[in-house]
Amino acid sequence: MKQMNPMEILLVEDNPNDVELTLRALKKHNLTNKVQVVSDGVQALDYLFASGAYEGKNTQPPPKVVFLDLKLPKVDGREVLRRMKADPKTRLIPVVVLTSSKEESDIVESYKLGVNSYVVKPLDFDKFVEAVSQLGLYWVLLNQAPF
């Protein structure tokens, strides 16, 4: 049986304020009921690979996009990205790094690991909301996913 509202966005973010702002931005476009939030890299990997707390979870359909912070507790965002892109089951899921880091080394390494987009979180509230709104609309509604 087909799910009525498949989860379309996996948000991997440990900062509760950024989670709240991101959800608020997505809510503007009625996308919040399709968001799963996890707060560290271990939870992200468990969710994506149906292990740990998510053991037995149906991994189909996969998220349309993963919004991934780089600076995460337990397992950092680079390692989540590395493991996703190394596994055939998750390799094709688009990943958008949404982070505060403007470090060139973070940007270059993320692209080398296979990130689809790298976005620095705007500090201004309105700009942050607008950026996330545009990301949500593009990756969920406009982008043609391979699955």
C-alpha atoms as a PDB file:
ATOM      1  CA  MET A   1       0.000   0.000   0.000  1.00  0.00           C
ATOM      2  CA  LYS A   2       1.343   3.445  -0.944  1.00  0.00           C
ATOM      3  CA  GLN A   3       2.037   5.890   1.882  1.00  0.00           C
ATOM      4  CA  MET A   4      -0.260   8.891   1.854  1.00  0.00           C
ATOM      5  CA  ASN A   5       2.381  11.377   2.996  1.00  0.00           C
ATOM      6  CA  PRO A   6       5.868   9.999   2.409  1.00  0.00           C
ATOM      7  CA  MET A   7       8.644  11.692   4.354  1.00  0.00           C
ATOM      8  CA  GLU A   8      10.386  13.948   1.884  1.00  0.00           C
ATOM      9  CA  ILE A   9      13.011  15.812   3.914  1.00  0.00           C
ATOM     10  CA  LEU A  10      15.432  14.429   6.471  1.00  0.00           C
ATOM     11  CA  LEU A  11      16.730  17.351   8.532  1.00  0.00           C
ATOM     12  CA  VAL A  12      19.958  16.528  10.387  1.00  0.00           C
ATOM     13  CA  GLU A  13      20.531  19.444  12.771  1.00  0.00           C
ATOM     14  CA  ASP A  14      21.627  19.589  16.413  1.00  0.00           C
ATOM     15  CA  ASN A  15      20.794  23.256  17.080  1.00  0.00           C
ATOM     16  CA  PRO A  16      17.166  23.498  18.303  1.00  0.00           C
ATOM     17  CA  ASN A  17      16.916  27.131  17.137  1.00  0.00           C
ATOM     18  CA  ASP A  18      17.998  26.209  13.603  1.00  0.00           C
ATOM     19  CA  VAL A  19      15.542  23.282  13.609  1.00  0.00           C
ATOM     20  CA  GLU A  20      12.736  25.649  14.615  1.00  0.00           C
ATOM     21  CA  LEU A  21      13.687  28.219  11.966  1.00  0.00           C
ATOM     22  CA  THR A  22      13.987  25.547   9.286  1.00  0.00           C
ATOM     23  CA  LEU A  23      10.600  24.046  10.130  1.00  0.00           C
ATOM     24  CA  ARG A  24       9.041  27.513  10.192  1.00  0.00           C
ATOM     25  CA  ALA A  25      10.439  28.246   6.738  1.00  0.00           C
ATOM     26  CA  LEU A  26       9.199  24.931   5.353  1.00  0.00           C
ATOM     27  CA  LYS A  27       5.789  25.449   6.945  1.00  0.00           C
ATOM     28  CA  LYS A  28       5.318  28.530   4.740  1.00  0.00           C
ATOM     29  CA  HIS A  29       5.051  26.087   1.842  1.00  0.00           C
ATOM     30  CA  ASN A  30       3.188  23.297   3.659  1.00  0.00           C
ATOM     31  CA  LEU A  31       6.230  21.021   3.717  1.00  0.00           C
ATOM     32  CA  THR A  32       6.560  20.437   7.488  1.00  0.00           C
ATOM     33  CA  ASN A  33       4.353  17.353   7.646  1.00  0.00           C
ATOM     34  CA  LYS A  34       6.919  15.602   5.457  1.00  0.00           C
ATOM     35  CA  VAL A  35      10.013  16.325   7.559  1.00  0.00           C
ATOM     36  CA  GLN A  36      11.880  13.931   9.856  1.00  0.00           C
ATOM     37  CA  VAL A  37      14.272  15.666  12.271  1.00  0.00           C
ATOM     38  CA  VAL A  38      17.276  13.966  13.844  1.00  0.00           C
ATOM     39  CA  SER A  39      19.842  15.715  16.016  1.00  0.00           C
ATOM     40  CA  ASP A  40      23.106  13.850  15.452  1.00  0.00           C
ATOM     41  CA  GLY A  41      24.968  11.821  12.879  1.00  0.00           C
ATOM     42  CA  VAL A  42      24.264   8.463  14.533  1.00  0.00           C
ATOM     43  CA  GLN A  43      20.507   9.105  14.392  1.00  0.00           C
ATOM     44  CA  ALA A  44      20.814  10.182  10.745  1.00  0.00           C
ATOM     45  CA  LEU A  45      22.627   6.985   9.775  1.00  0.00           C
ATOM     46  CA  ASP A  46      20.232   4.853  11.826  1.00  0.00           C
ATOM     47  CA  TYR A  47      17.278   6.505  10.084  1.00  0.00           C
ATOM     48  CA  LEU A  48      18.733   6.133   6.587  1.00  0.00           C
ATOM     49  CA  PHE A  49      19.856   2.529   7.067  1.00  0.00           C
ATOM     50  CA  ALA A  50      16.975   1.348   9.329  1.00  0.00           C
ATOM     51  CA  SER A  51      19.264   0.432  12.215  1.00  0.00           C
ATOM     52  CA  GLY A  52      19.433   1.265  15.928  1.00  0.00           C
ATOM     53  CA  ALA A  53      16.292   3.096  17.059  1.00  0.00           C
ATOM     54  CA  TYR A  54      14.911   2.837  13.505  1.00  0.00           C
ATOM     55  CA  GLU A  55      15.545  -0.901  13.053  1.00  0.00           C
ATOM     56  CA  GLY A  56      12.835  -2.428  10.897  1.00  0.00           C
ATOM     57  CA  LYS A  57      11.712   0.925   9.469  1.00  0.00           C
ATOM     58  CA  ASN A  58      10.758   0.803   5.817  1.00  0.00           C
ATOM     59  CA  THR A  59      13.460   2.695   3.913  1.00  0.00           C
ATOM     60  CA  GLN A  60      11.252   3.085   0.823  1.00  0.00           C
ATOM     61  CA  PRO A  61      10.644   5.568  -0.471  1.00  0.00           C
ATOM     62  CA  PRO A  62      13.840   7.295   0.643  1.00  0.00           C
ATOM     63  CA  PRO A  63      13.822  11.000   1.504  1.00  0.00           C
ATOM     64  CA  LYS A  64      13.737  13.296  -1.517  1.00  0.00           C
ATOM     65  CA  VAL A  65      16.533  15.296   0.105  1.00  0.00           C
ATOM     66  CA  VAL A  66      18.707  15.363   3.224  1.00  0.00           C
ATOM     67  CA  PHE A  67      19.493  18.763   4.778  1.00  0.00           C
ATOM     68  CA  LEU A  68      22.725  18.041   6.635  1.00  0.00           C
ATOM     69  CA  ASP A  69      24.643  20.156   9.113  1.00  0.00           C
ATOM     70  CA  LEU A  70      28.386  19.462   9.151  1.00  0.00           C
ATOM     71  CA  LYS A  71      29.039  20.099  12.817  1.00  0.00           C
ATOM     72  CA  LEU A  72      27.117  17.327  14.562  1.00  0.00           C
ATOM     73  CA  PRO A  73      27.625  15.381  17.788  1.00  0.00           C
ATOM     74  CA  LYS A  74      28.638  11.688  17.794  1.00  0.00           C
ATOM     75  CA  VAL A  75      29.229  11.394  14.017  1.00  0.00           C
ATOM     76  CA  ASP A  76      29.895  14.578  12.029  1.00  0.00           C
ATOM     77  CA  GLY A  77      28.148  15.541   8.821  1.00  0.00           C
ATOM     78  CA  ARG A  78      31.118  14.667   6.627  1.00  0.00           C
ATOM     79  CA  GLU A  79      31.039  11.073   7.861  1.00  0.00           C
ATOM     80  CA  VAL A  80      27.251  10.870   7.328  1.00  0.00           C
ATOM     81  CA  LEU A  81      27.799  12.139   3.779  1.00  0.00           C
ATOM     82  CA  ARG A  82      30.705   9.722   3.211  1.00  0.00           C
ATOM     83  CA  ARG A  83      28.619   6.714   4.320  1.00  0.00           C
ATOM     84  CA  MET A  84      25.556   7.793   2.339  1.00  0.00           C
ATOM     85  CA  LYS A  85      27.472   8.204  -0.897  1.00  0.00           C
ATOM     86  CA  ALA A  86      29.385   4.927  -0.388  1.00  0.00           C
ATOM     87  CA  ASP A  87      26.220   2.812  -0.136  1.00  0.00           C
ATOM     88  CA  PRO A  88      24.162   1.948  -3.236  1.00  0.00           C
ATOM     89  CA  LYS A  89      20.917   2.197  -1.205  1.00  0.00           C
ATOM     90  CA  THR A  90      21.504   5.860  -0.283  1.00  0.00           C
ATOM     91  CA  ARG A  91      24.000   7.072  -2.898  1.00  0.00           C
ATOM     92  CA  LEU A  92      21.359   8.741  -5.084  1.00  0.00           C
ATOM     93  CA  ILE A  93      19.601  10.657  -2.290  1.00  0.00           C
ATOM     94  CA  PRO A  94      20.389  14.353  -2.812  1.00  0.00           C
ATOM     95  CA  VAL A  95      22.242  15.933   0.115  1.00  0.00           C
ATOM     96  CA  VAL A  96      22.296  19.661   0.830  1.00  0.00           C
ATOM     97  CA  VAL A  97      24.855  20.736   3.394  1.00  0.00           C
ATOM     98  CA  LEU A  98      23.191  23.502   5.397  1.00  0.00           C
ATOM     99  CA  THR A  99      25.853  24.802   7.740  1.00  0.00           C
ATOM    100  CA  SER A 100      27.422  27.868   9.320  1.00  0.00           C
ATOM    101  CA  SER A 101      30.881  26.953   7.989  1.00  0.00           C
ATOM    102  CA  LYS A 102      32.305  29.092   5.203  1.00  0.00           C
ATOM    103  CA  GLU A 103      35.636  27.260   5.397  1.00  0.00           C
ATOM    104  CA  GLU A 104      36.930  26.468   1.922  1.00  0.00           C
ATOM    105  CA  SER A 105      38.217  23.094   3.148  1.00  0.00           C
ATOM    106  CA  ASP A 106      34.692  22.132   4.324  1.00  0.00           C
ATOM    107  CA  ILE A 107      33.186  23.200   1.003  1.00  0.00           C
ATOM    108  CA  VAL A 108      35.785  21.368  -1.115  1.00  0.00           C
ATOM    109  CA  GLU A 109      35.666  18.202   1.009  1.00  0.00           C
ATOM    110  CA  SER A 110      31.847  18.151   0.932  1.00  0.00           C
ATOM    111  CA  TYR A 111      31.831  18.302  -2.873  1.00  0.00           C
ATOM    112  CA  LYS A 112      34.546  15.641  -3.087  1.00  0.00           C
ATOM    113  CA  LEU A 113      32.329  13.414  -0.933  1.00  0.00           C
ATOM    114  CA  GLY A 114      29.404  13.910  -3.300  1.00  0.00           C
ATOM    115  CA  VAL A 115      27.244  16.660  -1.802  1.00  0.00           C
ATOM    116  CA  ASN A 116      24.664  18.057  -4.226  1.00  0.00           C
ATOM    117  CA  SER A 117      24.635  21.575  -2.809  1.00  0.00           C
ATOM    118  CA  TYR A 118      26.459  23.538  -0.095  1.00  0.00           C
ATOM    119  CA  VAL A 119      24.583  26.396   1.561  1.00  0.00           C
ATOM    120  CA  VAL A 120      25.922  28.625   4.324  1.00  0.00           C
ATOM    121  CA  LYS A 121      23.168  29.458   6.797  1.00  0.00           C
ATOM    122  CA  PRO A 122      22.397  33.170   6.609  1.00  0.00           C
ATOM    123  CA  LEU A 123      22.645  34.875   9.997  1.00  0.00           C
ATOM    124  CA  ASP A 124      19.730  37.197   9.244  1.00  0.00           C
ATOM    125  CA  PHE A 125      16.397  35.594  10.222  1.00  0.00           C
ATOM    126  CA  ASP A 126      14.486  36.665   7.109  1.00  0.00           C
ATOM    127  CA  LYS A 127      17.310  35.574   4.801  1.00  0.00           C
ATOM    128  CA  PHE A 128      17.544  32.225   6.600  1.00  0.00           C
ATOM    129  CA  VAL A 129      13.799  31.626   6.208  1.00  0.00           C
ATOM    130  CA  GLU A 130      13.928  32.599   2.535  1.00  0.00           C
ATOM    131  CA  ALA A 131      16.948  30.365   1.817  1.00  0.00           C
ATOM    132  CA  VAL A 132      15.364  27.317   3.460  1.00  0.00           C
ATOM    133  CA  SER A 133      12.028  27.994   1.752  1.00  0.00           C
ATOM    134  CA  GLN A 134      13.733  28.071  -1.634  1.00  0.00           C
ATOM    135  CA  LEU A 135      15.720  24.908  -0.861  1.00  0.00           C
ATOM    136  CA  GLY A 136      12.572  23.076   0.211  1.00  0.00           C
ATOM    137  CA  LEU A 137      10.630  24.122  -2.852  1.00  0.00           C
ATOM    138  CA  TYR A 138      13.426  23.224  -5.238  1.00  0.00           C
ATOM    139  CA  TRP A 139      14.446  19.835  -3.802  1.00  0.00           C
ATOM    140  CA  VAL A 140      10.943  18.603  -2.931  1.00  0.00           C
ATOM    141  CA  LEU A 141       8.802  20.048  -5.708  1.00  0.00           C
ATOM    142  CA  LEU A 142      11.025  20.879  -8.683  1.00  0.00           C
ATOM    143  CA  ASN A 143      13.941  18.446  -8.640  1.00  0.00           C
ATOM    144  CA  GLN A 144      13.344  15.165 -10.459  1.00  0.00           C
ATOM    145  CA  ALA A 145      14.496  12.417  -8.117  1.00  0.00           C
ATOM    146  CA  PRO A 146      15.954   9.181  -9.517  1.00  0.00           C
ATOM    147  CA  PHE A 147      13.496   7.061  -7.500  1.00  0.00           C
END
